[in-house]
C-alpha atoms as a PDB file:
ATOM      1  CA  MET A   1      43.765  13.082 -98.925  1.00  0.00           C
ATOM      2  CA  SER A   2      41.604  15.222 -96.639  1.00  0.00           C
ATOM      3  CA  TRP A   3      39.506  16.402 -99.576  1.00  0.00           C
ATOM      4  CA  ILE A   4      38.722  12.812-100.546  1.00  0.00           C
ATOM      5  CA  ILE A   5      37.744  12.041 -96.953  1.00  0.00           C
ATOM      6  CA  LEU A   6      35.500  15.114 -96.959  1.00  0.00           C
ATOM      7  CA  ILE A   7      33.754  13.977-100.159  1.00  0.00           C
ATOM      8  CA  VAL A   8      33.221  10.461 -98.770  1.00  0.00           C
ATOM      9  CA  ALA A   9      31.810  11.990 -95.573  1.00  0.00           C
ATOM     10  CA  GLY A  10      29.378  13.959 -97.733  1.00  0.00           C
ATOM     11  CA  LEU A  11      28.242  10.754 -99.395  1.00  0.00           C
ATOM     12  CA  PHE A  12      27.571   9.235 -95.978  1.00  0.00           C
ATOM     13  CA  GLU A  13      25.534  12.373 -95.158  1.00  0.00           C
ATOM     14  CA  VAL A  14      23.333  11.582 -98.151  1.00  0.00           C
ATOM     15  CA  GLY A  15      23.142   7.974 -96.955  1.00  0.00           C
ATOM     16  CA  PHE A  16      21.951   8.871 -93.485  1.00  0.00           C
ATOM     17  CA  ALA A  17      19.373  11.321 -94.814  1.00  0.00           C
ATOM     18  CA  ALA A  18      18.000   8.705 -97.219  1.00  0.00           C
ATOM     19  CA  SER A  19      18.016   6.040 -94.500  1.00  0.00           C
ATOM     20  CA  LEU A  20      16.081   8.297 -92.156  1.00  0.00           C
ATOM     21  CA  GLY A  21      13.432   8.872 -94.810  1.00  0.00           C
ATOM     22  CA  LYS A  22      13.089   5.163 -95.538  1.00  0.00           C
ATOM     23  CA  ALA A  23      12.997   4.282 -91.824  1.00  0.00           C
ATOM     24  CA  ARG A  24      10.014   6.567 -91.323  1.00  0.00           C
ATOM     25  CA  GLU A  25       8.138   4.995 -94.259  1.00  0.00           C
ATOM     26  CA  THR A  26       8.572   1.340 -93.269  1.00  0.00           C
ATOM     27  CA  GLN A  27       7.599  -0.845 -90.324  1.00  0.00           C
ATOM     28  CA  GLY A  28       8.885  -3.917 -88.545  1.00  0.00           C
ATOM     29  CA  ALA A  29      12.196  -5.572 -89.329  1.00  0.00           C
ATOM     30  CA  GLU A  30      12.715  -3.502 -92.454  1.00  0.00           C
ATOM     31  CA  ALA A  31      12.455  -0.304 -90.408  1.00  0.00           C
ATOM     32  CA  ALA A  32      15.009  -1.673 -87.942  1.00  0.00           C
ATOM     33  CA  LEU A  33      17.460  -2.235 -90.792  1.00  0.00           C
ATOM     34  CA  TRP A  34      16.937   1.317 -92.064  1.00  0.00           C
ATOM     35  CA  TRP A  35      17.442   2.719 -88.551  1.00  0.00           C
ATOM     36  CA  THR A  36      20.644   0.678 -88.239  1.00  0.00           C
ATOM     37  CA  SER A  37      21.809   2.013 -91.589  1.00  0.00           C
ATOM     38  CA  PHE A  38      20.984   5.535 -90.399  1.00  0.00           C
ATOM     39  CA  VAL A  39      23.075   5.182 -87.237  1.00  0.00           C
ATOM     40  CA  ILE A  40      26.037   3.661 -89.087  1.00  0.00           C
ATOM     41  CA  CYS A  41      26.004   6.334 -91.803  1.00  0.00           C
ATOM     42  CA  LEU A  42      25.635   9.084 -89.196  1.00  0.00           C
ATOM     43  CA  PHE A  43      28.583   7.797 -87.179  1.00  0.00           C
ATOM     44  CA  LEU A  44      30.814   7.360 -90.233  1.00  0.00           C
ATOM     45  CA  SER A  45      29.880  10.759 -91.606  1.00  0.00           C
ATOM     46  CA  MET A  46      30.680  12.582 -88.369  1.00  0.00           C
ATOM     47  CA  ALA A  47      33.910  10.638 -87.818  1.00  0.00           C
ATOM     48  CA  LEU A  48      35.119  11.348 -91.348  1.00  0.00           C
ATOM     49  CA  LEU A  49      34.130  15.025 -91.129  1.00  0.00           C
ATOM     50  CA  PHE A  50      36.078  15.318 -87.889  1.00  0.00           C
ATOM     51  CA  ARG A  51      39.090  13.632 -89.488  1.00  0.00           C
ATOM     52  CA  ALA A  52      38.979  15.805 -92.612  1.00  0.00           C
ATOM     53  CA  THR A  53      38.652  19.092 -90.750  1.00  0.00           C
ATOM     54  CA  ARG A  54      41.763  18.421 -88.682  1.00  0.00           C
ATOM     55  CA  ASP A  55      43.950  18.811 -91.778  1.00  0.00           C
ATOM     56  CA  LEU A  56      42.006  21.241 -93.983  1.00  0.00           C
ATOM     57  CA  PRO A  57      42.735  24.950 -93.613  1.00  0.00           C
ATOM     58  CA  MET A  58      39.812  26.928 -92.229  1.00  0.00           C
ATOM     59  CA  GLY A  59      39.164  30.522 -93.175  1.00  0.00           C
END
């Protein structure tokens, strides 16, 4: 299960990188939505990475 969580966390990493790029290109309300998407994806990515690394063997 931890490997699936790790893969989903990686997808959220892609999401926050794409959101950051779009947020810098837009203005106004659309930019606010992209920044919100960035923060949500960043939080979910880090939370899922933390969860996955608790159970995966390191080294």
